C-alpha cells in the first residue's frame, strides 16, 4: 500500500513554519529507524529529544508522536518530516 499524499499535498497542507522545521530535520538526517509496516510508517526523529512517530499511509495528519504538541491535537514537525521521508 502506497501513501496517499505527495510532497505538494504536505507542503500546502501545513503552515510554513512547520514545513520549514520539518525540512530542516529532513536535511539534517534526523529521521532514523524508518519502517514501512504496510499500513503505517514508523520512525524515530531526533529533535530536542528522541521522538517516536507512527504515521498513517492514508493521511499524514493521522498518527502519533511522543512530543507534547500531539498531546494537544496539533500536527507536529516530527510527523511532517516522517511524511516527507516516506
N, C-alpha and C. Protein backbone atom coordinates (compact mmCIF):
# COMPACT_ATOMS: atom_id res chain seq x y z
N UNK A 1 0.84 -1.18 0.00
CA UNK A 1 0.00 0.00 0.00
C UNK A 1 0.89 1.24 0.00
N UNK A 2 0.72 2.09 -0.99
CA UNK A 2 1.48 3.33 -1.08
C UNK A 2 0.77 4.44 -0.33
N UNK A 3 1.55 5.43 0.09
CA UNK A 3 0.93 6.56 0.79
C UNK A 3 0.04 7.33 -0.19
N UNK A 4 -0.97 7.99 0.35
CA UNK A 4 -1.93 8.73 -0.46
C UNK A 4 -1.63 10.22 -0.48
N UNK A 5 -0.43 10.60 -0.05
CA UNK A 5 -0.08 12.01 -0.06
C UNK A 5 1.23 12.22 -0.80
N UNK A 6 1.39 13.44 -1.29
CA UNK A 6 2.59 13.82 -2.03
C UNK A 6 3.26 14.98 -1.30
N UNK A 7 4.45 15.32 -1.74
CA UNK A 7 5.15 16.46 -1.14
C UNK A 7 4.34 17.75 -1.27
N UNK A 8 3.70 17.95 -2.43
CA UNK A 8 2.88 19.15 -2.60
C UNK A 8 1.70 19.18 -1.64
N UNK A 9 1.04 18.04 -1.45
CA UNK A 9 -0.08 17.98 -0.51
C UNK A 9 0.38 18.30 0.91
N UNK A 10 1.55 17.81 1.26
CA UNK A 10 2.08 18.09 2.60
C UNK A 10 2.46 19.57 2.72
N UNK A 11 3.23 20.06 1.75
CA UNK A 11 3.73 21.44 1.80
C UNK A 11 2.58 22.45 1.90
N UNK A 12 1.55 22.24 1.10
CA UNK A 12 0.45 23.21 1.09
C UNK A 12 -0.62 22.89 2.12
N UNK A 13 -0.43 21.81 2.87
CA UNK A 13 -1.39 21.43 3.91
C UNK A 13 -0.95 21.80 5.32
N UNK A 14 0.27 22.30 5.46
CA UNK A 14 0.77 22.70 6.78
C UNK A 14 1.23 24.15 6.72
N UNK A 15 1.36 24.78 7.89
CA UNK A 15 1.83 26.16 7.91
C UNK A 15 3.31 26.21 7.55
N UNK A 16 3.75 27.35 7.08
CA UNK A 16 5.12 27.48 6.57
C UNK A 16 6.17 27.22 7.65
N UNK A 17 5.89 27.59 8.89
CA UNK A 17 6.86 27.34 9.97
C UNK A 17 7.08 25.86 10.22
N UNK A 18 5.99 25.11 10.26
CA UNK A 18 6.10 23.65 10.46
C UNK A 18 6.82 23.02 9.28
N UNK A 19 6.49 23.46 8.06
CA UNK A 19 7.13 22.92 6.86
C UNK A 19 8.65 23.17 6.91
N UNK A 20 9.06 24.39 7.21
CA UNK A 20 10.49 24.72 7.25
C UNK A 20 11.22 23.92 8.33
N UNK A 21 10.62 23.78 9.50
CA UNK A 21 11.24 22.99 10.57
C UNK A 21 11.37 21.53 10.16
N UNK A 22 10.35 21.00 9.50
CA UNK A 22 10.38 19.60 9.05
C UNK A 22 11.45 19.41 7.98
N UNK A 23 11.56 20.36 7.06
CA UNK A 23 12.60 20.28 6.02
C UNK A 23 13.98 20.31 6.65
N UNK A 24 14.18 21.16 7.66
CA UNK A 24 15.48 21.21 8.34
C UNK A 24 15.81 19.89 9.01
N UNK A 25 14.81 19.26 9.64
CA UNK A 25 15.03 17.94 10.25
C UNK A 25 15.40 16.92 9.18
N UNK A 26 14.68 16.97 8.06
CA UNK A 26 14.93 16.03 6.96
C UNK A 26 16.36 16.21 6.42
N UNK A 27 16.71 17.44 6.12
CA UNK A 27 18.03 17.72 5.53
C UNK A 27 19.17 17.44 6.50
N UNK A 28 18.88 17.47 7.79
CA UNK A 28 19.90 17.19 8.81
C UNK A 28 20.00 15.70 9.14
N UNK A 29 19.20 14.89 8.47
CA UNK A 29 19.27 13.44 8.69
C UNK A 29 18.75 13.00 10.05
N UNK A 30 17.74 13.68 10.56
CA UNK A 30 17.23 13.40 11.90
C UNK A 30 16.22 12.26 11.96
N UNK A 31 15.83 11.71 10.81
CA UNK A 31 14.89 10.59 10.79
C UNK A 31 15.70 9.29 10.79
N UNK A 32 15.43 8.42 11.77
CA UNK A 32 16.14 7.14 11.86
C UNK A 32 15.15 6.01 12.09
N UNK A 33 15.61 4.80 11.90
CA UNK A 33 14.83 3.59 12.15
C UNK A 33 13.50 3.60 11.41
N UNK A 34 13.48 4.18 10.21
CA UNK A 34 12.25 4.25 9.42
C UNK A 34 11.81 2.86 8.98
N UNK A 35 10.52 2.59 9.15
CA UNK A 35 9.95 1.31 8.72
C UNK A 35 8.60 1.54 8.07
N UNK A 36 8.35 0.82 7.00
CA UNK A 36 7.04 0.79 6.36
C UNK A 36 6.38 -0.50 6.81
N UNK A 37 5.35 -0.41 7.64
CA UNK A 37 4.71 -1.61 8.18
C UNK A 37 3.60 -2.15 7.28
N UNK A 38 3.35 -1.46 6.18
CA UNK A 38 2.27 -1.86 5.29
C UNK A 38 1.10 -0.89 5.36
N UNK A 39 0.72 -0.51 6.56
CA UNK A 39 -0.38 0.44 6.73
C UNK A 39 0.06 1.74 7.40
N UNK A 40 1.24 1.71 8.03
CA UNK A 40 1.77 2.90 8.71
C UNK A 40 3.26 3.03 8.42
N UNK A 41 3.76 4.22 8.72
CA UNK A 41 5.19 4.45 8.75
C UNK A 41 5.57 4.64 10.22
N UNK A 42 6.67 4.04 10.62
CA UNK A 42 7.16 4.16 11.98
C UNK A 42 8.60 4.65 11.89
N UNK A 43 8.94 5.64 12.72
CA UNK A 43 10.30 6.17 12.70
C UNK A 43 10.61 6.84 14.03
N UNK A 44 11.88 7.11 14.20
CA UNK A 44 12.34 7.93 15.32
C UNK A 44 12.89 9.21 14.72
N UNK A 45 12.61 10.32 15.38
CA UNK A 45 13.07 11.63 14.92
C UNK A 45 13.84 12.29 16.06
N UNK A 46 15.08 12.65 15.77
CA UNK A 46 15.90 13.30 16.78
C UNK A 46 15.66 14.80 16.73
N UNK A 47 15.07 15.31 17.77
CA UNK A 47 14.87 16.75 17.93
C UNK A 47 15.52 17.14 19.24
N UNK A 48 14.83 17.92 20.04
CA UNK A 48 15.31 18.22 21.38
C UNK A 48 15.48 16.92 22.16
N UNK A 49 14.56 15.99 21.92
CA UNK A 49 14.62 14.63 22.46
C UNK A 49 14.48 13.67 21.28
N UNK A 50 14.53 12.38 21.56
CA UNK A 50 14.27 11.39 20.52
C UNK A 50 12.78 11.06 20.56
N UNK A 51 12.08 11.35 19.47
CA UNK A 51 10.63 11.16 19.42
C UNK A 51 10.29 9.94 18.57
N UNK A 52 9.29 9.22 19.01
CA UNK A 52 8.78 8.07 18.26
C UNK A 52 7.52 8.50 17.52
N UNK A 53 7.49 8.23 16.22
CA UNK A 53 6.39 8.67 15.37
C UNK A 53 5.78 7.47 14.66
N UNK A 54 4.46 7.43 14.65
CA UNK A 54 3.69 6.47 13.86
C UNK A 54 2.77 7.30 12.98
N UNK A 55 2.79 7.05 11.68
CA UNK A 55 2.04 7.87 10.74
C UNK A 55 1.24 7.01 9.78
N UNK A 56 -0.01 7.34 9.59
CA UNK A 56 -0.87 6.63 8.66
C UNK A 56 -0.39 6.85 7.23
N UNK A 57 -0.50 5.83 6.40
CA UNK A 57 -0.17 5.97 4.99
C UNK A 57 -1.33 6.61 4.23
N UNK A 58 -2.51 6.64 4.84
CA UNK A 58 -3.68 7.25 4.21
C UNK A 58 -3.71 8.76 4.37
N UNK A 59 -3.28 9.23 5.54
CA UNK A 59 -3.43 10.65 5.86
C UNK A 59 -2.27 11.07 6.77
N UNK A 60 -1.42 11.96 6.28
CA UNK A 60 -0.23 12.34 7.05
C UNK A 60 -0.57 13.07 8.35
N UNK A 61 -1.79 13.55 8.47
CA UNK A 61 -2.20 14.23 9.71
C UNK A 61 -2.73 13.25 10.75
N UNK A 62 -2.76 11.98 10.39
CA UNK A 62 -3.26 10.95 11.30
C UNK A 62 -2.11 10.08 11.77
N UNK A 63 -1.92 10.06 13.07
CA UNK A 63 -0.84 9.27 13.62
C UNK A 63 -0.57 9.69 15.05
N UNK A 64 0.66 9.46 15.47
CA UNK A 64 1.02 9.78 16.83
C UNK A 64 2.51 10.10 16.90
N UNK A 65 2.84 10.98 17.84
CA UNK A 65 4.22 11.33 18.13
C UNK A 65 4.32 11.48 19.64
N UNK A 66 5.49 11.23 20.18
CA UNK A 66 5.67 11.33 21.63
C UNK A 66 5.98 12.74 22.09
N UNK A 67 5.94 13.73 21.20
CA UNK A 67 6.18 15.11 21.62
C UNK A 67 4.92 15.71 22.24
N UNK A 68 5.09 16.85 22.89
CA UNK A 68 3.98 17.48 23.61
C UNK A 68 2.90 18.06 22.69
N UNK A 69 3.25 18.44 21.47
CA UNK A 69 2.25 19.06 20.59
C UNK A 69 1.12 18.11 20.25
N UNK A 70 1.44 16.87 19.98
CA UNK A 70 0.41 15.90 19.60
C UNK A 70 -0.54 15.65 20.76
N UNK A 71 -0.05 15.79 21.97
CA UNK A 71 -0.92 15.62 23.14
C UNK A 71 -2.01 16.70 23.16
N UNK A 72 -1.77 17.80 22.44
CA UNK A 72 -2.73 18.90 22.34
C UNK A 72 -3.43 18.91 20.98
N UNK A 73 -3.42 17.76 20.29
CA UNK A 73 -4.06 17.61 18.98
C UNK A 73 -3.53 18.59 17.93
N UNK A 74 -2.22 18.81 17.96
CA UNK A 74 -1.57 19.68 16.99
C UNK A 74 -0.62 18.86 16.13
N UNK A 75 -0.68 19.04 14.82
CA UNK A 75 0.23 18.35 13.91
C UNK A 75 1.64 18.89 14.15
N UNK A 76 2.57 17.99 14.43
CA UNK A 76 3.93 18.43 14.76
C UNK A 76 4.89 18.24 13.58
N UNK A 77 6.02 18.90 13.69
CA UNK A 77 7.06 18.81 12.65
C UNK A 77 7.62 17.40 12.54
N UNK A 78 7.57 16.63 13.63
CA UNK A 78 8.09 15.27 13.60
C UNK A 78 7.23 14.37 12.71
N UNK A 79 5.91 14.54 12.78
CA UNK A 79 5.01 13.79 11.90
C UNK A 79 5.19 14.23 10.44
N UNK A 80 5.35 15.52 10.24
CA UNK A 80 5.53 16.05 8.89
C UNK A 80 6.83 15.56 8.27
N UNK A 81 7.91 15.52 9.04
CA UNK A 81 9.18 15.05 8.47
C UNK A 81 9.12 13.57 8.13
N UNK A 82 8.40 12.77 8.89
CA UNK A 82 8.25 11.35 8.54
C UNK A 82 7.45 11.22 7.25
N UNK A 83 6.44 12.07 7.07
CA UNK A 83 5.67 12.05 5.83
C UNK A 83 6.57 12.43 4.65
N UNK A 84 7.41 13.43 4.83
CA UNK A 84 8.36 13.83 3.78
C UNK A 84 9.33 12.69 3.49
N UNK A 85 9.84 12.08 4.52
CA UNK A 85 10.82 10.99 4.38
C UNK A 85 10.24 9.80 3.63
N UNK A 86 8.95 9.56 3.82
CA UNK A 86 8.32 8.38 3.20
C UNK A 86 8.29 8.50 1.69
